[in-house]
Amino acid sequence: MIGAVLTGPEAVSGRDVGEIEQRLRRSFFAPRSGDLVVALRPHYLDHGGTTGTDHGQPYDYDTHVPVIIRGEGVVAGFYYESASPADIAPTLSVLLEIDFPAAPEGRVLTEALKDR
């Protein structure tokens, strides 16, 4: 049932890891995370159900969620480029014409913006 595990020290180490472990690393926050970061094997659920998803596992089928932006300066449409929740703050910064957040991790979703 367990697909991948990182210890706290492994989560903050610089060693090369696979994509699933990288995703686990991104969810690790030393002051609040436990001693282990655990991912179930693909398609397993820990809540007793037999279908669905919980958006808590690092697999593609569980991490794809829509990002919806609407308003002045946004081009209506569907965009299929890869996007992340980390892209929302930099994109809103451009739309609102304010300074980027400190150390932004994401990118500006320029494909959805008018005249950018």
N, C-alpha and C. Protein backbone atom coordinates (compact mmCIF):
# COMPACT_ATOMS: atom_id res chain seq x y z
N MET A 1 0.82 -1.20 0.00
CA MET A 1 0.00 0.00 0.00
C MET A 1 0.86 1.26 0.00
N ILE A 2 2.08 1.22 0.54
CA ILE A 2 2.96 2.38 0.57
C ILE A 2 3.75 2.43 -0.74
N GLY A 3 3.73 3.60 -1.38
CA GLY A 3 4.43 3.74 -2.66
C GLY A 3 5.78 4.41 -2.54
N ALA A 4 5.92 5.38 -1.65
CA ALA A 4 7.18 6.10 -1.48
C ALA A 4 7.20 6.73 -0.09
N VAL A 5 8.40 6.81 0.46
CA VAL A 5 8.58 7.41 1.79
C VAL A 5 9.86 8.23 1.78
N LEU A 6 9.79 9.41 2.36
CA LEU A 6 10.98 10.21 2.62
C LEU A 6 11.03 10.52 4.10
N THR A 7 12.20 10.44 4.70
CA THR A 7 12.37 10.91 6.07
C THR A 7 12.53 12.42 6.03
N GLY A 8 12.39 13.06 7.16
CA GLY A 8 12.59 14.50 7.22
C GLY A 8 13.94 14.92 6.66
N PRO A 9 15.05 14.30 7.10
CA PRO A 9 16.35 14.66 6.55
C PRO A 9 16.45 14.43 5.04
N GLU A 10 15.83 13.36 4.54
CA GLU A 10 15.84 13.12 3.09
C GLU A 10 15.06 14.20 2.35
N ALA A 11 13.98 14.67 2.97
CA ALA A 11 13.14 15.68 2.32
C ALA A 11 13.88 17.00 2.14
N VAL A 12 14.83 17.29 3.02
CA VAL A 12 15.56 18.56 2.90
C VAL A 12 16.94 18.39 2.30
N SER A 13 17.32 17.15 2.01
CA SER A 13 18.64 16.93 1.42
C SER A 13 18.66 17.38 -0.03
N GLY A 14 19.83 17.53 -0.55
CA GLY A 14 19.97 17.93 -1.95
C GLY A 14 20.16 16.77 -2.90
N ARG A 15 20.05 15.54 -2.40
CA ARG A 15 20.32 14.40 -3.28
C ARG A 15 19.26 14.27 -4.36
N ASP A 16 19.66 13.70 -5.48
CA ASP A 16 18.74 13.48 -6.59
C ASP A 16 17.70 12.43 -6.20
N VAL A 17 16.46 12.74 -6.52
CA VAL A 17 15.37 11.80 -6.27
C VAL A 17 14.47 11.78 -7.49
N GLY A 18 13.59 10.83 -7.56
CA GLY A 18 12.64 10.74 -8.66
C GLY A 18 11.55 11.79 -8.56
N GLU A 19 10.68 11.83 -9.56
CA GLU A 19 9.64 12.86 -9.61
C GLU A 19 8.66 12.75 -8.45
N ILE A 20 8.27 11.55 -8.07
CA ILE A 20 7.33 11.39 -6.96
C ILE A 20 7.96 11.90 -5.67
N GLU A 21 9.22 11.57 -5.44
CA GLU A 21 9.90 12.07 -4.25
C GLU A 21 10.05 13.59 -4.29
N GLN A 22 10.27 14.17 -5.48
CA GLN A 22 10.34 15.63 -5.58
C GLN A 22 9.01 16.25 -5.18
N ARG A 23 7.92 15.65 -5.60
CA ARG A 23 6.60 16.16 -5.23
C ARG A 23 6.38 16.03 -3.73
N LEU A 24 6.83 14.93 -3.14
CA LEU A 24 6.73 14.79 -1.69
C LEU A 24 7.56 15.85 -0.98
N ARG A 25 8.73 16.13 -1.52
CA ARG A 25 9.60 17.16 -0.96
C ARG A 25 8.89 18.52 -0.91
N ARG A 26 8.16 18.83 -1.98
CA ARG A 26 7.48 20.13 -2.03
C ARG A 26 6.38 20.25 -0.98
N SER A 27 5.89 19.13 -0.49
CA SER A 27 4.85 19.19 0.53
C SER A 27 5.43 19.15 1.95
N PHE A 28 6.73 19.05 2.06
CA PHE A 28 7.38 18.96 3.36
C PHE A 28 7.71 20.36 3.89
N PHE A 29 7.33 20.62 5.13
CA PHE A 29 7.65 21.88 5.81
C PHE A 29 8.16 21.50 7.20
N ALA A 30 9.47 21.59 7.39
CA ALA A 30 10.13 21.06 8.59
C ALA A 30 9.46 21.45 9.92
N PRO A 31 9.08 22.70 10.13
CA PRO A 31 8.49 23.03 11.43
C PRO A 31 7.16 22.33 11.72
N ARG A 32 6.44 21.89 10.67
CA ARG A 32 5.12 21.28 10.91
C ARG A 32 4.97 19.86 10.39
N SER A 33 5.85 19.43 9.52
CA SER A 33 5.73 18.08 8.98
C SER A 33 6.22 17.06 9.99
N GLY A 34 5.77 15.85 9.81
CA GLY A 34 6.19 14.78 10.69
C GLY A 34 7.57 14.27 10.32
N ASP A 35 7.92 13.13 10.89
CA ASP A 35 9.23 12.54 10.64
C ASP A 35 9.30 11.86 9.27
N LEU A 36 8.15 11.50 8.72
CA LEU A 36 8.09 10.83 7.43
C LEU A 36 7.09 11.53 6.52
N VAL A 37 7.39 11.53 5.23
CA VAL A 37 6.44 11.97 4.21
C VAL A 37 6.13 10.72 3.41
N VAL A 38 4.86 10.36 3.37
CA VAL A 38 4.45 9.07 2.80
C VAL A 38 3.48 9.27 1.65
N ALA A 39 3.68 8.53 0.58
CA ALA A 39 2.73 8.48 -0.53
C ALA A 39 2.25 7.04 -0.65
N LEU A 40 0.95 6.89 -0.82
CA LEU A 40 0.42 5.56 -1.06
C LEU A 40 0.78 5.11 -2.47
N ARG A 41 0.64 3.84 -2.74
CA ARG A 41 0.83 3.35 -4.11
C ARG A 41 -0.26 3.97 -4.98
N PRO A 42 0.01 4.12 -6.28
CA PRO A 42 -1.00 4.71 -7.17
C PRO A 42 -2.35 3.98 -7.06
N HIS A 43 -3.40 4.79 -7.03
CA HIS A 43 -4.81 4.35 -7.04
C HIS A 43 -5.27 3.73 -5.72
N TYR A 44 -4.48 3.86 -4.66
CA TYR A 44 -4.94 3.44 -3.34
C TYR A 44 -5.53 4.64 -2.63
N LEU A 45 -6.56 4.39 -1.83
CA LEU A 45 -7.18 5.44 -1.02
C LEU A 45 -7.06 5.04 0.44
N ASP A 46 -6.86 6.02 1.32
CA ASP A 46 -6.73 5.69 2.73
C ASP A 46 -7.98 6.00 3.54
N HIS A 47 -9.08 6.36 2.87
CA HIS A 47 -10.29 6.71 3.59
C HIS A 47 -11.36 5.64 3.52
N GLY A 48 -11.01 4.46 3.03
CA GLY A 48 -11.94 3.36 3.02
C GLY A 48 -12.84 3.28 1.79
N GLY A 49 -12.85 4.32 0.96
CA GLY A 49 -13.67 4.29 -0.24
C GLY A 49 -13.02 3.45 -1.32
N THR A 50 -13.79 3.14 -2.34
CA THR A 50 -13.25 2.34 -3.44
C THR A 50 -13.11 3.15 -4.72
N THR A 51 -13.61 4.36 -4.74
CA THR A 51 -13.49 5.20 -5.93
C THR A 51 -13.16 6.62 -5.50
N GLY A 52 -12.78 7.41 -6.47
CA GLY A 52 -12.54 8.82 -6.21
C GLY A 52 -11.08 9.15 -6.01
N THR A 53 -10.87 10.33 -5.50
CA THR A 53 -9.53 10.83 -5.26
C THR A 53 -9.59 11.78 -4.08
N ASP A 54 -8.46 12.11 -3.52
CA ASP A 54 -8.46 13.06 -2.42
C ASP A 54 -7.53 14.24 -2.65
N HIS A 55 -6.91 14.29 -3.81
CA HIS A 55 -5.96 15.35 -4.17
C HIS A 55 -4.83 15.47 -3.17
N GLY A 56 -4.53 14.38 -2.48
CA GLY A 56 -3.46 14.41 -1.50
C GLY A 56 -2.27 13.55 -1.86
N GLN A 57 -2.31 12.91 -3.00
CA GLN A 57 -1.22 12.04 -3.40
C GLN A 57 -0.44 12.69 -4.54
N PRO A 58 0.81 12.34 -4.74
CA PRO A 58 1.67 13.05 -5.69
C PRO A 58 1.58 12.55 -7.14
N TYR A 59 0.53 11.81 -7.48
CA TYR A 59 0.43 11.25 -8.82
C TYR A 59 -0.38 12.17 -9.73
N ASP A 60 -0.08 12.14 -11.03
CA ASP A 60 -0.74 13.04 -11.97
C ASP A 60 -2.25 13.02 -11.87
N TYR A 61 -2.86 11.85 -11.77
CA TYR A 61 -4.31 11.76 -11.72
C TYR A 61 -4.89 12.46 -10.49
N ASP A 62 -4.07 12.66 -9.47
CA ASP A 62 -4.55 13.24 -8.22
C ASP A 62 -4.14 14.71 -8.05
N THR A 63 -3.32 15.20 -8.94
CA THR A 63 -2.84 16.57 -8.79
C THR A 63 -3.40 17.53 -9.84
N HIS A 64 -4.10 17.02 -10.82
CA HIS A 64 -4.66 17.89 -11.86
C HIS A 64 -5.96 18.51 -11.38
N VAL A 65 -5.94 19.80 -11.18
CA VAL A 65 -7.13 20.56 -10.81
C VAL A 65 -7.16 21.81 -11.66
N PRO A 66 -8.33 22.32 -11.97
CA PRO A 66 -8.40 23.51 -12.83
C PRO A 66 -7.97 24.78 -12.09
N VAL A 67 -7.39 25.69 -12.83
CA VAL A 67 -7.12 27.04 -12.35
C VAL A 67 -8.02 27.95 -13.16
N ILE A 68 -8.87 28.70 -12.51
CA ILE A 68 -9.83 29.56 -13.20
C ILE A 68 -9.51 31.01 -12.86
N ILE A 69 -9.27 31.79 -13.91
CA ILE A 69 -9.01 33.22 -13.74
C ILE A 69 -9.99 33.96 -14.63
N ARG A 70 -10.63 34.97 -14.09
CA ARG A 70 -11.62 35.71 -14.85
C ARG A 70 -11.49 37.19 -14.52
N GLY A 71 -11.71 38.03 -15.51
CA GLY A 71 -11.73 39.45 -15.24
C GLY A 71 -11.00 40.26 -16.29
N GLU A 72 -10.87 41.54 -16.01
CA GLU A 72 -10.19 42.48 -16.91
C GLU A 72 -8.76 42.01 -17.15
N GLY A 73 -8.38 41.98 -18.41
CA GLY A 73 -7.02 41.61 -18.77
C GLY A 73 -6.82 40.12 -19.02
N VAL A 74 -7.88 39.35 -18.89
CA VAL A 74 -7.79 37.90 -19.09
C VAL A 74 -8.48 37.53 -20.40
N VAL A 75 -7.83 36.69 -21.18
CA VAL A 75 -8.39 36.20 -22.44
C VAL A 75 -9.19 34.93 -22.14
N ALA A 76 -10.48 34.95 -22.48
CA ALA A 76 -11.33 33.78 -22.23
C ALA A 76 -10.84 32.60 -23.05
N GLY A 77 -10.88 31.44 -22.48
CA GLY A 77 -10.51 30.24 -23.22
C GLY A 77 -10.05 29.14 -22.30
N PHE A 78 -9.72 28.02 -22.92
CA PHE A 78 -9.17 26.87 -22.22
C PHE A 78 -7.70 26.78 -22.60
N TYR A 79 -6.85 26.59 -21.62
CA TYR A 79 -5.41 26.51 -21.84
C TYR A 79 -4.92 25.20 -21.27
N TYR A 80 -4.12 24.51 -22.03
CA TYR A 80 -3.71 23.18 -21.63
C TYR A 80 -2.23 23.10 -21.25
N GLU A 81 -1.55 24.25 -21.16
CA GLU A 81 -0.18 24.27 -20.71
C GLU A 81 -0.16 23.88 -19.22
N SER A 82 0.94 23.35 -18.80
CA SER A 82 1.09 22.98 -17.40
C SER A 82 1.03 24.23 -16.53
N ALA A 83 0.28 24.16 -15.46
CA ALA A 83 0.18 25.28 -14.52
C ALA A 83 0.17 24.70 -13.11
N SER A 84 0.49 25.55 -12.17
CA SER A 84 0.58 25.14 -10.77
C SER A 84 -0.10 26.19 -9.91
N PRO A 85 -0.57 25.83 -8.72
CA PRO A 85 -1.07 26.86 -7.81
C PRO A 85 -0.03 27.95 -7.53
N ALA A 86 1.26 27.59 -7.65
CA ALA A 86 2.32 28.59 -7.44
C ALA A 86 2.30 29.67 -8.52
N ASP A 87 1.63 29.42 -9.65
CA ASP A 87 1.56 30.39 -10.74
C ASP A 87 0.52 31.48 -10.50
N ILE A 88 -0.37 31.26 -9.56
CA ILE A 88 -1.47 32.20 -9.34
C ILE A 88 -0.97 33.56 -8.83
N ALA A 89 -0.11 33.58 -7.83
CA ALA A 89 0.36 34.86 -7.26
C ALA A 89 1.13 35.69 -8.29
N PRO A 90 2.09 35.13 -9.04
CA PRO A 90 2.76 35.96 -10.04
C PRO A 90 1.81 36.48 -11.12
N THR A 91 0.84 35.66 -11.52
CA THR A 91 -0.13 36.09 -12.54
C THR A 91 -1.00 37.22 -12.02
N LEU A 92 -1.48 37.09 -10.80
CA LEU A 92 -2.29 38.17 -10.22
C LEU A 92 -1.46 39.44 -10.02
N SER A 93 -0.19 39.29 -9.71
CA SER A 93 0.68 40.46 -9.58
C SER A 93 0.74 41.25 -10.87
N VAL A 94 0.85 40.55 -12.00
CA VAL A 94 0.86 41.23 -13.31
C VAL A 94 -0.49 41.89 -13.58
N LEU A 95 -1.57 41.18 -13.33
CA LEU A 95 -2.91 41.73 -13.58
C LEU A 95 -3.19 42.96 -12.72
N LEU A 96 -2.75 42.94 -11.49
CA LEU A 96 -2.99 44.04 -10.56
C LEU A 96 -1.92 45.12 -10.62
N GLU A 97 -0.88 44.85 -11.44
CA GLU A 97 0.25 45.77 -11.57
C GLU A 97 0.87 46.11 -10.23
N ILE A 98 1.15 45.06 -9.47
CA ILE A 98 1.82 45.22 -8.17
C ILE A 98 3.09 44.39 -8.19
N ASP A 99 3.96 44.61 -7.20
CA ASP A 99 5.21 43.86 -7.11
C ASP A 99 4.95 42.38 -6.95
N PHE A 100 5.84 41.59 -7.53
CA PHE A 100 5.77 40.15 -7.38
C PHE A 100 5.95 39.79 -5.91
N PRO A 101 5.40 38.66 -5.50
CA PRO A 101 5.66 38.21 -4.13
C PRO A 101 7.14 37.90 -3.94
N ALA A 102 7.60 37.97 -2.71
CA ALA A 102 9.00 37.65 -2.42
C ALA A 102 9.29 36.21 -2.82
N ALA A 103 10.36 36.00 -3.53
CA ALA A 103 10.81 34.67 -3.97
C ALA A 103 9.69 33.85 -4.60
N PRO A 104 9.07 34.37 -5.67
CA PRO A 104 7.98 33.59 -6.28
C PRO A 104 8.52 32.30 -6.89
N GLU A 105 7.78 31.24 -6.75
CA GLU A 105 8.17 29.96 -7.32
C GLU A 105 7.53 29.73 -8.67
N GLY A 106 6.39 30.31 -8.90
CA GLY A 106 5.63 30.04 -10.12
C GLY A 106 6.02 30.97 -11.26
N ARG A 107 5.24 30.86 -12.32
CA ARG A 107 5.44 31.68 -13.51
C ARG A 107 4.17 32.47 -13.78
N VAL A 108 4.28 33.50 -14.58
CA VAL A 108 3.12 34.26 -15.01
C VAL A 108 2.44 33.46 -16.13
N LEU A 109 1.16 33.27 -16.02
CA LEU A 109 0.40 32.53 -17.03
C LEU A 109 0.08 33.46 -18.20
N THR A 110 1.12 33.82 -18.94
CA THR A 110 1.00 34.82 -20.00
C THR A 110 0.04 34.39 -21.10
N GLU A 111 -0.10 33.09 -21.32
CA GLU A 111 -0.97 32.62 -22.38
C GLU A 111 -2.43 33.03 -22.16
N ALA A 112 -2.81 33.34 -20.92
CA ALA A 112 -4.18 33.71 -20.60
C ALA A 112 -4.37 35.21 -20.41
N LEU A 113 -3.33 35.99 -20.62
CA LEU A 113 -3.41 37.43 -20.37
C LEU A 113 -3.40 38.23 -21.66
N LYS A 114 -4.20 39.28 -21.72
CA LYS A 114 -4.24 40.18 -22.86
C LYS A 114 -2.99 41.07 -22.86
N ASP A 115 -2.46 41.31 -24.03
CA ASP A 115 -1.37 42.28 -24.22
C ASP A 115 -0.20 42.07 -23.25
N ARG A 116 0.18 40.86 -22.98
CA ARG A 116 1.31 40.63 -22.06
C ARG A 116 2.44 39.97 -22.80
